[in-house]
Amino acid sequence: MSINEAHALAKKMIYYSLIKKAKDICLLNMSRLSSMADFFIICHGESAVQVKAIVDSIMEGMESEGVKAWHREGYSFLNWVLLDYVDVVVHVFQKEARKFYRLERLWGDAEIEKFGYEE
């Protein structure tokens, strides 16, 4: 998949996260920093219920477009859910977990685009 195709895929995932009012959505361009994925999406919800709604919206929306997640992690706990679409990795946190792990700082050299509801 080209970087432009991966970026378009990430934007679709962001759209589906916005439907469920995901907060402070960041799209990190990882293409020059890591071989694990071209993009990371990082966002959070205010509760486990909202995290589940965001994750379900992304997965169902992408499946309706014929794209399935390669791997899903953390869904049974809903504190930090990771969706791996190979070229795009989505991280959906509860607010406090996001503050604790601070992935944006860990990958501070990445180009970042922001979307949606900021705090």
C-alpha atoms as a PDB file:
ATOM      1  CA  MET A   1       0.000   0.000   0.000  1.00  0.00           C
ATOM      2  CA  SER A   2       1.345   3.438  -0.877  1.00  0.00           C
ATOM      3  CA  ILE A   3       1.706   6.185   1.712  1.00  0.00           C
ATOM      4  CA  ASN A   4      -1.176   8.079   0.066  1.00  0.00           C
ATOM      5  CA  GLU A   5      -3.423   5.023   0.255  1.00  0.00           C
ATOM      6  CA  ALA A   6      -2.489   4.489   3.910  1.00  0.00           C
ATOM      7  CA  HIS A   7      -3.231   8.160   4.639  1.00  0.00           C
ATOM      8  CA  ALA A   8      -6.656   7.842   2.972  1.00  0.00           C
ATOM      9  CA  LEU A   9      -7.349   4.708   5.019  1.00  0.00           C
ATOM     10  CA  ALA A  10      -6.387   6.537   8.218  1.00  0.00           C
ATOM     11  CA  LYS A  11      -8.716   9.436   7.363  1.00  0.00           C
ATOM     12  CA  LYS A  12     -11.616   6.971   7.009  1.00  0.00           C
ATOM     13  CA  MET A  13     -10.822   5.549  10.437  1.00  0.00           C
ATOM     14  CA  ILE A  14     -10.743   9.059  11.874  1.00  0.00           C
ATOM     15  CA  TYR A  15     -14.160   9.725  10.330  1.00  0.00           C
ATOM     16  CA  TYR A  16     -15.574   6.623  12.050  1.00  0.00           C
ATOM     17  CA  SER A  17     -14.025   7.649  15.375  1.00  0.00           C
ATOM     18  CA  LEU A  18     -15.537  11.126  15.093  1.00  0.00           C
ATOM     19  CA  ILE A  19     -19.010   9.601  14.732  1.00  0.00           C
ATOM     20  CA  LYS A  20     -18.658   8.465  18.366  1.00  0.00           C
ATOM     21  CA  LYS A  21     -17.088  11.762  19.464  1.00  0.00           C
ATOM     22  CA  ALA A  22     -13.535  10.543  20.024  1.00  0.00           C
ATOM     23  CA  LYS A  23     -11.475  13.217  21.753  1.00  0.00           C
ATOM     24  CA  ASP A  24      -8.186  14.847  20.748  1.00  0.00           C
ATOM     25  CA  ILE A  25      -7.525  12.724  17.653  1.00  0.00           C
ATOM     26  CA  CYS A  26      -3.919  12.761  16.480  1.00  0.00           C
ATOM     27  CA  LEU A  27      -2.672  11.254  13.226  1.00  0.00           C
ATOM     28  CA  LEU A  28       1.057  10.562  13.454  1.00  0.00           C
ATOM     29  CA  ASN A  29       3.018  10.008  10.261  1.00  0.00           C
ATOM     30  CA  MET A  30       5.358   7.169  11.216  1.00  0.00           C
ATOM     31  CA  SER A  31       6.629   6.388   7.721  1.00  0.00           C
ATOM     32  CA  ARG A  32      10.084   7.908   8.302  1.00  0.00           C
ATOM     33  CA  LEU A  33      10.423   6.783  11.917  1.00  0.00           C
ATOM     34  CA  SER A  34       9.349   3.164  12.084  1.00  0.00           C
ATOM     35  CA  SER A  35       8.804   0.149   9.883  1.00  0.00           C
ATOM     36  CA  MET A  36       5.869  -1.131  11.975  1.00  0.00           C
ATOM     37  CA  ALA A  37       3.237   1.147  10.360  1.00  0.00           C
ATOM     38  CA  ASP A  38       2.931   4.232   8.183  1.00  0.00           C
ATOM     39  CA  PHE A  39       0.454   5.955  10.516  1.00  0.00           C
ATOM     40  CA  PHE A  40      -0.689   5.849  14.129  1.00  0.00           C
ATOM     41  CA  ILE A  41      -4.049   7.232  15.160  1.00  0.00           C
ATOM     42  CA  ILE A  42      -4.292   8.159  18.827  1.00  0.00           C
ATOM     43  CA  CYS A  43      -7.533   9.252  20.485  1.00  0.00           C
ATOM     44  CA  HIS A  44      -9.487   8.759  23.663  1.00  0.00           C
ATOM     45  CA  GLY A  45     -12.945   8.392  25.099  1.00  0.00           C
ATOM     46  CA  GLU A  46     -14.264   9.515  28.452  1.00  0.00           C
ATOM     47  CA  SER A  47     -15.318   6.020  29.615  1.00  0.00           C
ATOM     48  CA  ALA A  48     -15.032   2.331  28.799  1.00  0.00           C
ATOM     49  CA  VAL A  49     -18.440   2.561  27.125  1.00  0.00           C
ATOM     50  CA  GLN A  50     -17.265   5.352  24.834  1.00  0.00           C
ATOM     51  CA  VAL A  51     -13.968   3.573  24.058  1.00  0.00           C
ATOM     52  CA  LYS A  52     -15.978   0.497  23.041  1.00  0.00           C
ATOM     53  CA  ALA A  53     -18.284   2.639  20.884  1.00  0.00           C
ATOM     54  CA  ILE A  54     -15.304   4.286  19.135  1.00  0.00           C
ATOM     55  CA  VAL A  55     -13.575   0.951  18.487  1.00  0.00           C
ATOM     56  CA  ASP A  56     -16.797  -0.689  17.274  1.00  0.00           C
ATOM     57  CA  SER A  57     -17.515   2.259  14.968  1.00  0.00           C
ATOM     58  CA  ILE A  58     -14.060   2.044  13.390  1.00  0.00           C
ATOM     59  CA  MET A  59     -14.163  -1.729  12.980  1.00  0.00           C
ATOM     60  CA  GLU A  60     -17.718  -1.856  11.626  1.00  0.00           C
ATOM     61  CA  GLY A  61     -17.147   1.096   9.323  1.00  0.00           C
ATOM     62  CA  MET A  62     -13.971  -0.347   7.894  1.00  0.00           C
ATOM     63  CA  GLU A  63     -15.513  -3.819   7.521  1.00  0.00           C
ATOM     64  CA  SER A  64     -18.380  -2.236   5.569  1.00  0.00           C
ATOM     65  CA  GLU A  65     -15.683  -0.987   3.172  1.00  0.00           C
ATOM     66  CA  GLY A  66     -14.084  -4.431   2.937  1.00  0.00           C
ATOM     67  CA  VAL A  67     -11.163  -3.722   5.294  1.00  0.00           C
ATOM     68  CA  LYS A  68     -10.701  -5.934   8.354  1.00  0.00           C
ATOM     69  CA  ALA A  69      -8.332  -5.389  11.252  1.00  0.00           C
ATOM     70  CA  TRP A  70      -5.372  -7.743  11.201  1.00  0.00           C
ATOM     71  CA  HIS A  71      -5.214  -7.754  15.012  1.00  0.00           C
ATOM     72  CA  ARG A  72      -7.130  -6.300  17.964  1.00  0.00           C
ATOM     73  CA  GLU A  73      -5.713  -6.000  21.477  1.00  0.00           C
ATOM     74  CA  GLY A  74      -7.195  -4.764  24.763  1.00  0.00           C
ATOM     75  CA  TYR A  75     -10.869  -5.013  23.807  1.00  0.00           C
ATOM     76  CA  SER A  76     -11.796  -7.049  26.882  1.00  0.00           C
ATOM     77  CA  PHE A  77     -10.476  -4.319  29.239  1.00  0.00           C
ATOM     78  CA  LEU A  78     -11.282  -1.147  27.228  1.00  0.00           C
ATOM     79  CA  ASN A  79      -8.550   0.918  28.883  1.00  0.00           C
ATOM     80  CA  TRP A  80      -6.293   0.941  25.801  1.00  0.00           C
ATOM     81  CA  VAL A  81      -7.501  -0.769  22.646  1.00  0.00           C
ATOM     82  CA  LEU A  82      -5.132  -1.267  19.734  1.00  0.00           C
ATOM     83  CA  LEU A  83      -6.440  -1.975  16.235  1.00  0.00           C
ATOM     84  CA  ASP A  84      -3.761  -3.092  13.790  1.00  0.00           C
ATOM     85  CA  TYR A  85      -4.574  -2.559  10.128  1.00  0.00           C
ATOM     86  CA  VAL A  86      -0.896  -3.166   9.189  1.00  0.00           C
ATOM     87  CA  ASP A  87      -0.280   0.236   7.525  1.00  0.00           C
ATOM     88  CA  VAL A  88      -2.369   2.081  10.120  1.00  0.00           C
ATOM     89  CA  VAL A  89      -2.423   1.311  13.855  1.00  0.00           C
ATOM     90  CA  VAL A  90      -5.224   2.825  15.936  1.00  0.00           C
ATOM     91  CA  HIS A  91      -4.827   3.459  19.679  1.00  0.00           C
ATOM     92  CA  VAL A  92      -8.065   4.238  21.546  1.00  0.00           C
ATOM     93  CA  PHE A  93      -7.536   5.066  25.208  1.00  0.00           C
ATOM     94  CA  GLN A  94      -9.535   6.045  28.206  1.00  0.00           C
ATOM     95  CA  LYS A  95      -8.471   9.582  29.116  1.00  0.00           C
ATOM     96  CA  GLU A  96      -6.328   8.732  32.160  1.00  0.00           C
ATOM     97  CA  ALA A  97      -4.515   5.886  30.395  1.00  0.00           C
ATOM     98  CA  ARG A  98      -3.677   8.191  27.514  1.00  0.00           C
ATOM     99  CA  LYS A  99      -2.191  10.735  29.915  1.00  0.00           C
ATOM    100  CA  PHE A 100      -0.147   7.980  31.558  1.00  0.00           C
ATOM    101  CA  TYR A 101       1.323   6.389  28.405  1.00  0.00           C
ATOM    102  CA  ARG A 102       1.793   9.654  26.449  1.00  0.00           C
ATOM    103  CA  LEU A 103       2.412   8.012  23.062  1.00  0.00           C
ATOM    104  CA  GLU A 104       2.516  11.387  21.328  1.00  0.00           C
ATOM    105  CA  ARG A 105       5.618  12.264  23.349  1.00  0.00           C
ATOM    106  CA  LEU A 106       7.189   8.874  22.765  1.00  0.00           C
ATOM    107  CA  TRP A 107       6.878   9.465  19.017  1.00  0.00           C
ATOM    108  CA  GLY A 108       7.504  13.209  19.265  1.00  0.00           C
ATOM    109  CA  ASP A 109       9.494  13.339  16.017  1.00  0.00           C
ATOM    110  CA  ALA A 110       6.465  12.292  13.963  1.00  0.00           C
ATOM    111  CA  GLU A 111       4.491  14.789  11.899  1.00  0.00           C
ATOM    112  CA  ILE A 112       1.133  15.191  13.642  1.00  0.00           C
ATOM    113  CA  GLU A 113      -2.260  16.200  12.260  1.00  0.00           C
ATOM    114  CA  LYS A 114      -5.031  16.917  14.776  1.00  0.00           C
ATOM    115  CA  PHE A 115      -8.741  16.320  14.312  1.00  0.00           C
ATOM    116  CA  GLY A 116     -11.986  16.593  16.213  1.00  0.00           C
ATOM    117  CA  TYR A 117     -12.751  17.414  19.762  1.00  0.00           C
ATOM    118  CA  GLU A 118      -9.692  18.759  21.574  1.00  0.00           C
ATOM    119  CA  GLU A 119      -9.319  19.340  25.282  1.00  0.00           C
END
